[in-house]
PDBML (XML) file of the C-alpha atoms, coordinates in Angstrom:
<?xml version="1.0" encoding="UTF-8" ?>
<PDBx:datablock datablockName="MODEL"
   xmlns:PDBx="http://pdbml.pdb.org/schema/pdbx-v50.xsd"
   xmlns:xsi="http://www.w3.org/2001/XMLSchema-instance"
   xsi:schemaLocation="http://pdbml.pdb.org/schema/pdbx-v50.xsd pdbx-v50.xsd">
   <PDBx:atom_siteCategory>
      <PDBx:atom_site id="1">
         <PDBx:B_iso_or_equiv>0.00</PDBx:B_iso_or_equiv>
         <PDBx:Cartn_x>95.489</PDBx:Cartn_x>
         <PDBx:Cartn_y>117.426</PDBx:Cartn_y>
         <PDBx:Cartn_z>115.515</PDBx:Cartn_z>
         <PDBx:auth_asym_id>A</PDBx:auth_asym_id>
         <PDBx:auth_atom_id>CA</PDBx:auth_atom_id>
         <PDBx:auth_comp_id>ARG</PDBx:auth_comp_id>
         <PDBx:auth_seq_id>1</PDBx:auth_seq_id>
         <PDBx:group_PDB>ATOM</PDBx:group_PDB>
         <PDBx:label_alt_id xsi:nil="true" />
         <PDBx:label_asym_id>A</PDBx:label_asym_id>
         <PDBx:label_atom_id>CA</PDBx:label_atom_id>
         <PDBx:label_comp_id>ARG</PDBx:label_comp_id>
         <PDBx:label_entity_id>1</PDBx:label_entity_id>
         <PDBx:label_seq_id>1</PDBx:label_seq_id>
         <PDBx:occupancy>1.00</PDBx:occupancy>
         <PDBx:pdbx_PDB_model_num>1</PDBx:pdbx_PDB_model_num>
         <PDBx:type_symbol>C</PDBx:type_symbol>
      </PDBx:atom_site>
      <PDBx:atom_site id="2">
         <PDBx:B_iso_or_equiv>0.00</PDBx:B_iso_or_equiv>
         <PDBx:Cartn_x>93.271</PDBx:Cartn_x>
         <PDBx:Cartn_y>116.303</PDBx:Cartn_y>
         <PDBx:Cartn_z>118.410</PDBx:Cartn_z>
         <PDBx:auth_asym_id>A</PDBx:auth_asym_id>
         <PDBx:auth_atom_id>CA</PDBx:auth_atom_id>
         <PDBx:auth_comp_id>LEU</PDBx:auth_comp_id>
         <PDBx:auth_seq_id>2</PDBx:auth_seq_id>
         <PDBx:group_PDB>ATOM</PDBx:group_PDB>
         <PDBx:label_alt_id xsi:nil="true" />
         <PDBx:label_asym_id>A</PDBx:label_asym_id>
         <PDBx:label_atom_id>CA</PDBx:label_atom_id>
         <PDBx:label_comp_id>LEU</PDBx:label_comp_id>
         <PDBx:label_entity_id>1</PDBx:label_entity_id>
         <PDBx:label_seq_id>2</PDBx:label_seq_id>
         <PDBx:occupancy>1.00</PDBx:occupancy>
         <PDBx:pdbx_PDB_model_num>1</PDBx:pdbx_PDB_model_num>
         <PDBx:type_symbol>C</PDBx:type_symbol>
      </PDBx:atom_site>
      <PDBx:atom_site id="3">
         <PDBx:B_iso_or_equiv>0.00</PDBx:B_iso_or_equiv>
         <PDBx:Cartn_x>95.375</PDBx:Cartn_x>
         <PDBx:Cartn_y>113.948</PDBx:Cartn_y>
         <PDBx:Cartn_z>120.518</PDBx:Cartn_z>
         <PDBx:auth_asym_id>A</PDBx:auth_asym_id>
         <PDBx:auth_atom_id>CA</PDBx:auth_atom_id>
         <PDBx:auth_comp_id>THR</PDBx:auth_comp_id>
         <PDBx:auth_seq_id>3</PDBx:auth_seq_id>
         <PDBx:group_PDB>ATOM</PDBx:group_PDB>
         <PDBx:label_alt_id xsi:nil="true" />
         <PDBx:label_asym_id>A</PDBx:label_asym_id>
         <PDBx:label_atom_id>CA</PDBx:label_atom_id>
         <PDBx:label_comp_id>THR</PDBx:label_comp_id>
         <PDBx:label_entity_id>1</PDBx:label_entity_id>
         <PDBx:label_seq_id>3</PDBx:label_seq_id>
         <PDBx:occupancy>1.00</PDBx:occupancy>
         <PDBx:pdbx_PDB_model_num>1</PDBx:pdbx_PDB_model_num>
         <PDBx:type_symbol>C</PDBx:type_symbol>
      </PDBx:atom_site>
      <PDBx:atom_site id="4">
         <PDBx:B_iso_or_equiv>0.00</PDBx:B_iso_or_equiv>
         <PDBx:Cartn_x>93.618</PDBx:Cartn_x>
         <PDBx:Cartn_y>114.252</PDBx:Cartn_y>
         <PDBx:Cartn_z>123.883</PDBx:Cartn_z>
         <PDBx:auth_asym_id>A</PDBx:auth_asym_id>
         <PDBx:auth_atom_id>CA</PDBx:auth_atom_id>
         <PDBx:auth_comp_id>GLU</PDBx:auth_comp_id>
         <PDBx:auth_seq_id>4</PDBx:auth_seq_id>
         <PDBx:group_PDB>ATOM</PDBx:group_PDB>
         <PDBx:label_alt_id xsi:nil="true" />
         <PDBx:label_asym_id>A</PDBx:label_asym_id>
         <PDBx:label_atom_id>CA</PDBx:label_atom_id>
         <PDBx:label_comp_id>GLU</PDBx:label_comp_id>
         <PDBx:label_entity_id>1</PDBx:label_entity_id>
         <PDBx:label_seq_id>4</PDBx:label_seq_id>
         <PDBx:occupancy>1.00</PDBx:occupancy>
         <PDBx:pdbx_PDB_model_num>1</PDBx:pdbx_PDB_model_num>
         <PDBx:type_symbol>C</PDBx:type_symbol>
      </PDBx:atom_site>
      <PDBx:atom_site id="5">
         <PDBx:B_iso_or_equiv>0.00</PDBx:B_iso_or_equiv>
         <PDBx:Cartn_x>90.804</PDBx:Cartn_x>
         <PDBx:Cartn_y>111.762</PDBx:Cartn_y>
         <PDBx:Cartn_z>124.308</PDBx:Cartn_z>
         <PDBx:auth_asym_id>A</PDBx:auth_asym_id>
         <PDBx:auth_atom_id>CA</PDBx:auth_atom_id>
         <PDBx:auth_comp_id>TRP</PDBx:auth_comp_id>
         <PDBx:auth_seq_id>5</PDBx:auth_seq_id>
         <PDBx:group_PDB>ATOM</PDBx:group_PDB>
         <PDBx:label_alt_id xsi:nil="true" />
         <PDBx:label_asym_id>A</PDBx:label_asym_id>
         <PDBx:label_atom_id>CA</PDBx:label_atom_id>
         <PDBx:label_comp_id>TRP</PDBx:label_comp_id>
         <PDBx:label_entity_id>1</PDBx:label_entity_id>
         <PDBx:label_seq_id>5</PDBx:label_seq_id>
         <PDBx:occupancy>1.00</PDBx:occupancy>
         <PDBx:pdbx_PDB_model_num>1</PDBx:pdbx_PDB_model_num>
         <PDBx:type_symbol>C</PDBx:type_symbol>
      </PDBx:atom_site>
      <PDBx:atom_site id="6">
         <PDBx:B_iso_or_equiv>0.00</PDBx:B_iso_or_equiv>
         <PDBx:Cartn_x>88.428</PDBx:Cartn_x>
         <PDBx:Cartn_y>112.541</PDBx:Cartn_y>
         <PDBx:Cartn_z>127.169</PDBx:Cartn_z>
         <PDBx:auth_asym_id>A</PDBx:auth_asym_id>
         <PDBx:auth_atom_id>CA</PDBx:auth_atom_id>
         <PDBx:auth_comp_id>ARG</PDBx:auth_comp_id>
         <PDBx:auth_seq_id>6</PDBx:auth_seq_id>
         <PDBx:group_PDB>ATOM</PDBx:group_PDB>
         <PDBx:label_alt_id xsi:nil="true" />
         <PDBx:label_asym_id>A</PDBx:label_asym_id>
         <PDBx:label_atom_id>CA</PDBx:label_atom_id>
         <PDBx:label_comp_id>ARG</PDBx:label_comp_id>
         <PDBx:label_entity_id>1</PDBx:label_entity_id>
         <PDBx:label_seq_id>6</PDBx:label_seq_id>
         <PDBx:occupancy>1.00</PDBx:occupancy>
         <PDBx:pdbx_PDB_model_num>1</PDBx:pdbx_PDB_model_num>
         <PDBx:type_symbol>C</PDBx:type_symbol>
      </PDBx:atom_site>
      <PDBx:atom_site id="7">
         <PDBx:B_iso_or_equiv>0.00</PDBx:B_iso_or_equiv>
         <PDBx:Cartn_x>86.486</PDBx:Cartn_x>
         <PDBx:Cartn_y>109.610</PDBx:Cartn_y>
         <PDBx:Cartn_z>128.604</PDBx:Cartn_z>
         <PDBx:auth_asym_id>A</PDBx:auth_asym_id>
         <PDBx:auth_atom_id>CA</PDBx:auth_atom_id>
         <PDBx:auth_comp_id>LEU</PDBx:auth_comp_id>
         <PDBx:auth_seq_id>7</PDBx:auth_seq_id>
         <PDBx:group_PDB>ATOM</PDBx:group_PDB>
         <PDBx:label_alt_id xsi:nil="true" />
         <PDBx:label_asym_id>A</PDBx:label_asym_id>
         <PDBx:label_atom_id>CA</PDBx:label_atom_id>
         <PDBx:label_comp_id>LEU</PDBx:label_comp_id>
         <PDBx:label_entity_id>1</PDBx:label_entity_id>
         <PDBx:label_seq_id>7</PDBx:label_seq_id>
         <PDBx:occupancy>1.00</PDBx:occupancy>
         <PDBx:pdbx_PDB_model_num>1</PDBx:pdbx_PDB_model_num>
         <PDBx:type_symbol>C</PDBx:type_symbol>
      </PDBx:atom_site>
      <PDBx:atom_site id="8">
         <PDBx:B_iso_or_equiv>0.00</PDBx:B_iso_or_equiv>
         <PDBx:Cartn_x>84.018</PDBx:Cartn_x>
         <PDBx:Cartn_y>109.206</PDBx:Cartn_y>
         <PDBx:Cartn_z>131.416</PDBx:Cartn_z>
         <PDBx:auth_asym_id>A</PDBx:auth_asym_id>
         <PDBx:auth_atom_id>CA</PDBx:auth_atom_id>
         <PDBx:auth_comp_id>HIS</PDBx:auth_comp_id>
         <PDBx:auth_seq_id>8</PDBx:auth_seq_id>
         <PDBx:group_PDB>ATOM</PDBx:group_PDB>
         <PDBx:label_alt_id xsi:nil="true" />
         <PDBx:label_asym_id>A</PDBx:label_asym_id>
         <PDBx:label_atom_id>CA</PDBx:label_atom_id>
         <PDBx:label_comp_id>HIS</PDBx:label_comp_id>
         <PDBx:label_entity_id>1</PDBx:label_entity_id>
         <PDBx:label_seq_id>8</PDBx:label_seq_id>
         <PDBx:occupancy>1.00</PDBx:occupancy>
         <PDBx:pdbx_PDB_model_num>1</PDBx:pdbx_PDB_model_num>
         <PDBx:type_symbol>C</PDBx:type_symbol>
      </PDBx:atom_site>
      <PDBx:atom_site id="9">
         <PDBx:B_iso_or_equiv>0.00</PDBx:B_iso_or_equiv>
         <PDBx:Cartn_x>81.920</PDBx:Cartn_x>
         <PDBx:Cartn_y>106.585</PDBx:Cartn_y>
         <PDBx:Cartn_z>133.184</PDBx:Cartn_z>
         <PDBx:auth_asym_id>A</PDBx:auth_asym_id>
         <PDBx:auth_atom_id>CA</PDBx:auth_atom_id>
         <PDBx:auth_comp_id>LYS</PDBx:auth_comp_id>
         <PDBx:auth_seq_id>9</PDBx:auth_seq_id>
         <PDBx:group_PDB>ATOM</PDBx:group_PDB>
         <PDBx:label_alt_id xsi:nil="true" />
         <PDBx:label_asym_id>A</PDBx:label_asym_id>
         <PDBx:label_atom_id>CA</PDBx:label_atom_id>
         <PDBx:label_comp_id>LYS</PDBx:label_comp_id>
         <PDBx:label_entity_id>1</PDBx:label_entity_id>
         <PDBx:label_seq_id>9</PDBx:label_seq_id>
         <PDBx:occupancy>1.00</PDBx:occupancy>
         <PDBx:pdbx_PDB_model_num>1</PDBx:pdbx_PDB_model_num>
         <PDBx:type_symbol>C</PDBx:type_symbol>
      </PDBx:atom_site>
      <PDBx:atom_site id="10">
         <PDBx:B_iso_or_equiv>0.00</PDBx:B_iso_or_equiv>
         <PDBx:Cartn_x>78.283</PDBx:Cartn_x>
         <PDBx:Cartn_y>106.831</PDBx:Cartn_y>
         <PDBx:Cartn_z>134.180</PDBx:Cartn_z>
         <PDBx:auth_asym_id>A</PDBx:auth_asym_id>
         <PDBx:auth_atom_id>CA</PDBx:auth_atom_id>
         <PDBx:auth_comp_id>GLN</PDBx:auth_comp_id>
         <PDBx:auth_seq_id>10</PDBx:auth_seq_id>
         <PDBx:group_PDB>ATOM</PDBx:group_PDB>
         <PDBx:label_alt_id xsi:nil="true" />
         <PDBx:label_asym_id>A</PDBx:label_asym_id>
         <PDBx:label_atom_id>CA</PDBx:label_atom_id>
         <PDBx:label_comp_id>GLN</PDBx:label_comp_id>
         <PDBx:label_entity_id>1</PDBx:label_entity_id>
         <PDBx:label_seq_id>10</PDBx:label_seq_id>
         <PDBx:occupancy>1.00</PDBx:occupancy>
         <PDBx:pdbx_PDB_model_num>1</PDBx:pdbx_PDB_model_num>
         <PDBx:type_symbol>C</PDBx:type_symbol>
      </PDBx:atom_site>
      <PDBx:atom_site id="11">
         <PDBx:B_iso_or_equiv>0.00</PDBx:B_iso_or_equiv>
         <PDBx:Cartn_x>79.511</PDBx:Cartn_x>
         <PDBx:Cartn_y>106.842</PDBx:Cartn_y>
         <PDBx:Cartn_z>137.791</PDBx:Cartn_z>
         <PDBx:auth_asym_id>A</PDBx:auth_asym_id>
         <PDBx:auth_atom_id>CA</PDBx:auth_atom_id>
         <PDBx:auth_comp_id>THR</PDBx:auth_comp_id>
         <PDBx:auth_seq_id>11</PDBx:auth_seq_id>
         <PDBx:group_PDB>ATOM</PDBx:group_PDB>
         <PDBx:label_alt_id xsi:nil="true" />
         <PDBx:label_asym_id>A</PDBx:label_asym_id>
         <PDBx:label_atom_id>CA</PDBx:label_atom_id>
         <PDBx:label_comp_id>THR</PDBx:label_comp_id>
         <PDBx:label_entity_id>1</PDBx:label_entity_id>
         <PDBx:label_seq_id>11</PDBx:label_seq_id>
         <PDBx:occupancy>1.00</PDBx:occupancy>
         <PDBx:pdbx_PDB_model_num>1</PDBx:pdbx_PDB_model_num>
         <PDBx:type_symbol>C</PDBx:type_symbol>
      </PDBx:atom_site>
      <PDBx:atom_site id="12">
         <PDBx:B_iso_or_equiv>0.00</PDBx:B_iso_or_equiv>
         <PDBx:Cartn_x>81.113</PDBx:Cartn_x>
         <PDBx:Cartn_y>110.222</PDBx:Cartn_y>
         <PDBx:Cartn_z>137.139</PDBx:Cartn_z>
         <PDBx:auth_asym_id>A</PDBx:auth_asym_id>
         <PDBx:auth_atom_id>CA</PDBx:auth_atom_id>
         <PDBx:auth_comp_id>GLY</PDBx:auth_comp_id>
         <PDBx:auth_seq_id>12</PDBx:auth_seq_id>
         <PDBx:group_PDB>ATOM</PDBx:group_PDB>
         <PDBx:label_alt_id xsi:nil="true" />
         <PDBx:label_asym_id>A</PDBx:label_asym_id>
         <PDBx:label_atom_id>CA</PDBx:label_atom_id>
         <PDBx:label_comp_id>GLY</PDBx:label_comp_id>
         <PDBx:label_entity_id>1</PDBx:label_entity_id>
         <PDBx:label_seq_id>12</PDBx:label_seq_id>
         <PDBx:occupancy>1.00</PDBx:occupancy>
         <PDBx:pdbx_PDB_model_num>1</PDBx:pdbx_PDB_model_num>
         <PDBx:type_symbol>C</PDBx:type_symbol>
      </PDBx:atom_site>
      <PDBx:atom_site id="13">
         <PDBx:B_iso_or_equiv>0.00</PDBx:B_iso_or_equiv>
         <PDBx:Cartn_x>84.711</PDBx:Cartn_x>
         <PDBx:Cartn_y>109.034</PDBx:Cartn_y>
         <PDBx:Cartn_z>136.960</PDBx:Cartn_z>
         <PDBx:auth_asym_id>A</PDBx:auth_asym_id>
         <PDBx:auth_atom_id>CA</PDBx:auth_atom_id>
         <PDBx:auth_comp_id>GLU</PDBx:auth_comp_id>
         <PDBx:auth_seq_id>13</PDBx:auth_seq_id>
         <PDBx:group_PDB>ATOM</PDBx:group_PDB>
         <PDBx:label_alt_id xsi:nil="true" />
         <PDBx:label_asym_id>A</PDBx:label_asym_id>
         <PDBx:label_atom_id>CA</PDBx:label_atom_id>
         <PDBx:label_comp_id>GLU</PDBx:label_comp_id>
         <PDBx:label_entity_id>1</PDBx:label_entity_id>
         <PDBx:label_seq_id>13</PDBx:label_seq_id>
         <PDBx:occupancy>1.00</PDBx:occupancy>
         <PDBx:pdbx_PDB_model_num>1</PDBx:pdbx_PDB_model_num>
         <PDBx:type_symbol>C</PDBx:type_symbol>
      </PDBx:atom_site>
      <PDBx:atom_site id="14">
         <PDBx:B_iso_or_equiv>0.00</PDBx:B_iso_or_equiv>
         <PDBx:Cartn_x>86.647</PDBx:Cartn_x>
         <PDBx:Cartn_y>110.671</PDBx:Cartn_y>
         <PDBx:Cartn_z>134.124</PDBx:Cartn_z>
         <PDBx:auth_asym_id>A</PDBx:auth_asym_id>
         <PDBx:auth_atom_id>CA</PDBx:auth_atom_id>
         <PDBx:auth_comp_id>SER</PDBx:auth_comp_id>
         <PDBx:auth_seq_id>14</PDBx:auth_seq_id>
         <PDBx:group_PDB>ATOM</PDBx:group_PDB>
         <PDBx:label_alt_id xsi:nil="true" />
         <PDBx:label_asym_id>A</PDBx:label_asym_id>
         <PDBx:label_atom_id>CA</PDBx:label_atom_id>
         <PDBx:label_comp_id>SER</PDBx:label_comp_id>
         <PDBx:label_entity_id>1</PDBx:label_entity_id>
         <PDBx:label_seq_id>14</PDBx:label_seq_id>
         <PDBx:occupancy>1.00</PDBx:occupancy>
         <PDBx:pdbx_PDB_model_num>1</PDBx:pdbx_PDB_model_num>
         <PDBx:type_symbol>C</PDBx:type_symbol>
      </PDBx:atom_site>
      <PDBx:atom_site id="15">
         <PDBx:B_iso_or_equiv>0.00</PDBx:B_iso_or_equiv>
         <PDBx:Cartn_x>90.013</PDBx:Cartn_x>
         <PDBx:Cartn_y>110.325</PDBx:Cartn_y>
         <PDBx:Cartn_z>132.402</PDBx:Cartn_z>
         <PDBx:auth_asym_id>A</PDBx:auth_asym_id>
         <PDBx:auth_atom_id>CA</PDBx:auth_atom_id>
         <PDBx:auth_comp_id>ALA</PDBx:auth_comp_id>
         <PDBx:auth_seq_id>15</PDBx:auth_seq_id>
         <PDBx:group_PDB>ATOM</PDBx:group_PDB>
         <PDBx:label_alt_id xsi:nil="true" />
         <PDBx:label_asym_id>A</PDBx:label_asym_id>
         <PDBx:label_atom_id>CA</PDBx:label_atom_id>
         <PDBx:label_comp_id>ALA</PDBx:label_comp_id>
         <PDBx:label_entity_id>1</PDBx:label_entity_id>
         <PDBx:label_seq_id>15</PDBx:label_seq_id>
         <PDBx:occupancy>1.00</PDBx:occupancy>
         <PDBx:pdbx_PDB_model_num>1</PDBx:pdbx_PDB_model_num>
         <PDBx:type_symbol>C</PDBx:type_symbol>
      </PDBx:atom_site>
      <PDBx:atom_site id="16">
         <PDBx:B_iso_or_equiv>0.00</PDBx:B_iso_or_equiv>
         <PDBx:Cartn_x>91.947</PDBx:Cartn_x>
         <PDBx:Cartn_y>112.290</PDBx:Cartn_y>
         <PDBx:Cartn_z>129.778</PDBx:Cartn_z>
         <PDBx:auth_asym_id>A</PDBx:auth_asym_id>
         <PDBx:auth_atom_id>CA</PDBx:auth_atom_id>
         <PDBx:auth_comp_id>THR</PDBx:auth_comp_id>
         <PDBx:auth_seq_id>16</PDBx:auth_seq_id>
         <PDBx:group_PDB>ATOM</PDBx:group_PDB>
         <PDBx:label_alt_id xsi:nil="true" />
         <PDBx:label_asym_id>A</PDBx:label_asym_id>
         <PDBx:label_atom_id>CA</PDBx:label_atom_id>
         <PDBx:label_comp_id>THR</PDBx:label_comp_id>
         <PDBx:label_entity_id>1</PDBx:label_entity_id>
         <PDBx:label_seq_id>16</PDBx:label_seq_id>
         <PDBx:occupancy>1.00</PDBx:occupancy>
         <PDBx:pdbx_PDB_model_num>1</PDBx:pdbx_PDB_model_num>
         <PDBx:type_symbol>C</PDBx:type_symbol>
      </PDBx:atom_site>
      <PDBx:atom_site id="17">
         <PDBx:B_iso_or_equiv>0.00</PDBx:B_iso_or_equiv>
         <PDBx:Cartn_x>94.535</PDBx:Cartn_x>
         <PDBx:Cartn_y>110.382</PDBx:Cartn_y>
         <PDBx:Cartn_z>127.781</PDBx:Cartn_z>
         <PDBx:auth_asym_id>A</PDBx:auth_asym_id>
         <PDBx:auth_atom_id>CA</PDBx:auth_atom_id>
         <PDBx:auth_comp_id>VAL</PDBx:auth_comp_id>
         <PDBx:auth_seq_id>17</PDBx:auth_seq_id>
         <PDBx:group_PDB>ATOM</PDBx:group_PDB>
         <PDBx:label_alt_id xsi:nil="true" />
         <PDBx:label_asym_id>A</PDBx:label_asym_id>
         <PDBx:label_atom_id>CA</PDBx:label_atom_id>
         <PDBx:label_comp_id>VAL</PDBx:label_comp_id>
         <PDBx:label_entity_id>1</PDBx:label_entity_id>
         <PDBx:label_seq_id>17</PDBx:label_seq_id>
         <PDBx:occupancy>1.00</PDBx:occupancy>
         <PDBx:pdbx_PDB_model_num>1</PDBx:pdbx_PDB_model_num>
         <PDBx:type_symbol>C</PDBx:type_symbol>
      </PDBx:atom_site>
      <PDBx:atom_site id="18">
         <PDBx:B_iso_or_equiv>0.00</PDBx:B_iso_or_equiv>
         <PDBx:Cartn_x>97.225</PDBx:Cartn_x>
         <PDBx:Cartn_y>111.792</PDBx:Cartn_y>
         <PDBx:Cartn_z>125.499</PDBx:Cartn_z>
         <PDBx:auth_asym_id>A</PDBx:auth_asym_id>
         <PDBx:auth_atom_id>CA</PDBx:auth_atom_id>
         <PDBx:auth_comp_id>LYS</PDBx:auth_comp_id>
         <PDBx:auth_seq_id>18</PDBx:auth_seq_id>
         <PDBx:group_PDB>ATOM</PDBx:group_PDB>
         <PDBx:label_alt_id xsi:nil="true" />
         <PDBx:label_asym_id>A</PDBx:label_asym_id>
         <PDBx:label_atom_id>CA</PDBx:label_atom_id>
         <PDBx:label_comp_id>LYS</PDBx:label_comp_id>
         <PDBx:label_entity_id>1</PDBx:label_entity_id>
         <PDBx:label_seq_id>18</PDBx:label_seq_id>
         <PDBx:occupancy>1.00</PDBx:occupancy>
         <PDBx:pdbx_PDB_model_num>1</PDBx:pdbx_PDB_model_num>
         <PDBx:type_symbol>C</PDBx:type_symbol>
      </PDBx:atom_site>
      <PDBx:atom_site id="19">
         <PDBx:B_iso_or_equiv>0.00</PDBx:B_iso_or_equiv>
         <PDBx:Cartn_x>97.282</PDBx:Cartn_x>
         <PDBx:Cartn_y>109.452</PDBx:Cartn_y>
         <PDBx:Cartn_z>122.502</PDBx:Cartn_z>
         <PDBx:auth_asym_id>A</PDBx:auth_asym_id>
         <PDBx:auth_atom_id>CA</PDBx:auth_atom_id>
         <PDBx:auth_comp_id>VAL</PDBx:auth_comp_id>
         <PDBx:auth_seq_id>19</PDBx:auth_seq_id>
         <PDBx:group_PDB>ATOM</PDBx:group_PDB>
         <PDBx:label_alt_id xsi:nil="true" />
         <PDBx:label_asym_id>A</PDBx:label_asym_id>
         <PDBx:label_atom_id>CA</PDBx:label_atom_id>
         <PDBx:label_comp_id>VAL</PDBx:label_comp_id>
         <PDBx:label_entity_id>1</PDBx:label_entity_id>
         <PDBx:label_seq_id>19</PDBx:label_seq_id>
         <PDBx:occupancy>1.00</PDBx:occupancy>
         <PDBx:pdbx_PDB_model_num>1</PDBx:pdbx_PDB_model_num>
         <PDBx:type_symbol>C</PDBx:type_symbol>
      </PDBx:atom_site>
      <PDBx:atom_site id="20">
         <PDBx:B_iso_or_equiv>0.00</PDBx:B_iso_or_equiv>
         <PDBx:Cartn_x>99.671</PDBx:Cartn_x>
         <PDBx:Cartn_y>108.995</PDBx:Cartn_y>
         <PDBx:Cartn_z>119.629</PDBx:Cartn_z>
         <PDBx:auth_asym_id>A</PDBx:auth_asym_id>
         <PDBx:auth_atom_id>CA</PDBx:auth_atom_id>
         <PDBx:auth_comp_id>GLN</PDBx:auth_comp_id>
         <PDBx:auth_seq_id>20</PDBx:auth_seq_id>
         <PDBx:group_PDB>ATOM</PDBx:group_PDB>
         <PDBx:label_alt_id xsi:nil="true" />
         <PDBx:label_asym_id>A</PDBx:label_asym_id>
         <PDBx:label_atom_id>CA</PDBx:label_atom_id>
         <PDBx:label_comp_id>GLN</PDBx:label_comp_id>
         <PDBx:label_entity_id>1</PDBx:label_entity_id>
         <PDBx:label_seq_id>20</PDBx:label_seq_id>
         <PDBx:occupancy>1.00</PDBx:occupancy>
         <PDBx:pdbx_PDB_model_num>1</PDBx:pdbx_PDB_model_num>
         <PDBx:type_symbol>C</PDBx:type_symbol>
      </PDBx:atom_site>
      <PDBx:atom_site id="21">
         <PDBx:B_iso_or_equiv>0.00</PDBx:B_iso_or_equiv>
         <PDBx:Cartn_x>99.727</PDBx:Cartn_x>
         <PDBx:Cartn_y>107.091</PDBx:Cartn_y>
         <PDBx:Cartn_z>116.357</PDBx:Cartn_z>
         <PDBx:auth_asym_id>A</PDBx:auth_asym_id>
         <PDBx:auth_atom_id>CA</PDBx:auth_atom_id>
         <PDBx:auth_comp_id>GLY</PDBx:auth_comp_id>
         <PDBx:auth_seq_id>21</PDBx:auth_seq_id>
         <PDBx:group_PDB>ATOM</PDBx:group_PDB>
         <PDBx:label_alt_id xsi:nil="true" />
         <PDBx:label_asym_id>A</PDBx:label_asym_id>
         <PDBx:label_atom_id>CA</PDBx:label_atom_id>
         <PDBx:label_comp_id>GLY</PDBx:label_comp_id>
         <PDBx:label_entity_id>1</PDBx:label_entity_id>
         <PDBx:label_seq_id>21</PDBx:label_seq_id>
         <PDBx:occupancy>1.00</PDBx:occupancy>
         <PDBx:pdbx_PDB_model_num>1</PDBx:pdbx_PDB_model_num>
         <PDBx:type_symbol>C</PDBx:type_symbol>
      </PDBx:atom_site>
      <PDBx:atom_site id="22">
         <PDBx:B_iso_or_equiv>0.00</PDBx:B_iso_or_equiv>
         <PDBx:Cartn_x>101.352</PDBx:Cartn_x>
         <PDBx:Cartn_y>106.792</PDBx:Cartn_y>
         <PDBx:Cartn_z>112.964</PDBx:Cartn_z>
         <PDBx:auth_asym_id>A</PDBx:auth_asym_id>
         <PDBx:auth_atom_id>CA</PDBx:auth_atom_id>
         <PDBx:auth_comp_id>ASP</PDBx:auth_comp_id>
         <PDBx:auth_seq_id>22</PDBx:auth_seq_id>
         <PDBx:group_PDB>ATOM</PDBx:group_PDB>
         <PDBx:label_alt_id xsi:nil="true" />
         <PDBx:label_asym_id>A</PDBx:label_asym_id>
         <PDBx:label_atom_id>CA</PDBx:label_atom_id>
         <PDBx:label_comp_id>ASP</PDBx:label_comp_id>
         <PDBx:label_entity_id>1</PDBx:label_entity_id>
         <PDBx:label_seq_id>22</PDBx:label_seq_id>
         <PDBx:occupancy>1.00</PDBx:occupancy>
         <PDBx:pdbx_PDB_model_num>1</PDBx:pdbx_PDB_model_num>
         <PDBx:type_symbol>C</PDBx:type_symbol>
      </PDBx:atom_site>
      <PDBx:atom_site id="23">
         <PDBx:B_iso_or_equiv>0.00</PDBx:B_iso_or_equiv>
         <PDBx:Cartn_x>98.478</PDBx:Cartn_x>
         <PDBx:Cartn_y>108.329</PDBx:Cartn_y>
         <PDBx:Cartn_z>110.950</PDBx:Cartn_z>
         <PDBx:auth_asym_id>A</PDBx:auth_asym_id>
         <PDBx:auth_atom_id>CA</PDBx:auth_atom_id>
         <PDBx:auth_comp_id>ARG</PDBx:auth_comp_id>
         <PDBx:auth_seq_id>23</PDBx:auth_seq_id>
         <PDBx:group_PDB>ATOM</PDBx:group_PDB>
         <PDBx:label_alt_id xsi:nil="true" />
         <PDBx:label_asym_id>A</PDBx:label_asym_id>
         <PDBx:label_atom_id>CA</PDBx:label_atom_id>
         <PDBx:label_comp_id>ARG</PDBx:label_comp_id>
         <PDBx:label_entity_id>1</PDBx:label_entity_id>
         <PDBx:label_seq_id>23</PDBx:label_seq_id>
         <PDBx:occupancy>1.00</PDBx:occupancy>
         <PDBx:pdbx_PDB_model_num>1</PDBx:pdbx_PDB_model_num>
         <PDBx:type_symbol>C</PDBx:type_symbol>
      </PDBx:atom_site>
      <PDBx:atom_site id="24">
         <PDBx:B_iso_or_equiv>0.00</PDBx:B_iso_or_equiv>
         <PDBx:Cartn_x>95.757</PDBx:Cartn_x>
         <PDBx:Cartn_y>110.945</PDBx:Cartn_y>
         <PDBx:Cartn_z>111.263</PDBx:Cartn_z>
         <PDBx:auth_asym_id>A</PDBx:auth_asym_id>
         <PDBx:auth_atom_id>CA</PDBx:auth_atom_id>
         <PDBx:auth_comp_id>TRP</PDBx:auth_comp_id>
         <PDBx:auth_seq_id>24</PDBx:auth_seq_id>
         <PDBx:group_PDB>ATOM</PDBx:group_PDB>
         <PDBx:label_alt_id xsi:nil="true" />
         <PDBx:label_asym_id>A</PDBx:label_asym_id>
         <PDBx:label_atom_id>CA</PDBx:label_atom_id>
         <PDBx:label_comp_id>TRP</PDBx:label_comp_id>
         <PDBx:label_entity_id>1</PDBx:label_entity_id>
         <PDBx:label_seq_id>24</PDBx:label_seq_id>
         <PDBx:occupancy>1.00</PDBx:occupancy>
         <PDBx:pdbx_PDB_model_num>1</PDBx:pdbx_PDB_model_num>
         <PDBx:type_symbol>C</PDBx:type_symbol>
      </PDBx:atom_site>
      <PDBx:atom_site id="25">
         <PDBx:B_iso_or_equiv>0.00</PDBx:B_iso_or_equiv>
         <PDBx:Cartn_x>93.416</PDBx:Cartn_x>
         <PDBx:Cartn_y>112.824</PDBx:Cartn_y>
         <PDBx:Cartn_z>108.910</PDBx:Cartn_z>
         <PDBx:auth_asym_id>A</PDBx:auth_asym_id>
         <PDBx:auth_atom_id>CA</PDBx:auth_atom_id>
         <PDBx:auth_comp_id>SER</PDBx:auth_comp_id>
         <PDBx:auth_seq_id>25</PDBx:auth_seq_id>
         <PDBx:group_PDB>ATOM</PDBx:group_PDB>
         <PDBx:label_alt_id xsi:nil="true" />
         <PDBx:label_asym_id>A</PDBx:label_asym_id>
         <PDBx:label_atom_id>CA</PDBx:label_atom_id>
         <PDBx:label_comp_id>SER</PDBx:label_comp_id>
         <PDBx:label_entity_id>1</PDBx:label_entity_id>
         <PDBx:label_seq_id>25</PDBx:label_seq_id>
         <PDBx:occupancy>1.00</PDBx:occupancy>
         <PDBx:pdbx_PDB_model_num>1</PDBx:pdbx_PDB_model_num>
         <PDBx:type_symbol>C</PDBx:type_symbol>
      </PDBx:atom_site>
   </PDBx:atom_siteCategory>
</PDBx:datablock>
């Protein structure tokens, strides 16, 4: 299960968020 979402901006700023939820597939 992939629960780390990696995001970035065009400016170069980045963030990695540990997500959770009640369903996945």
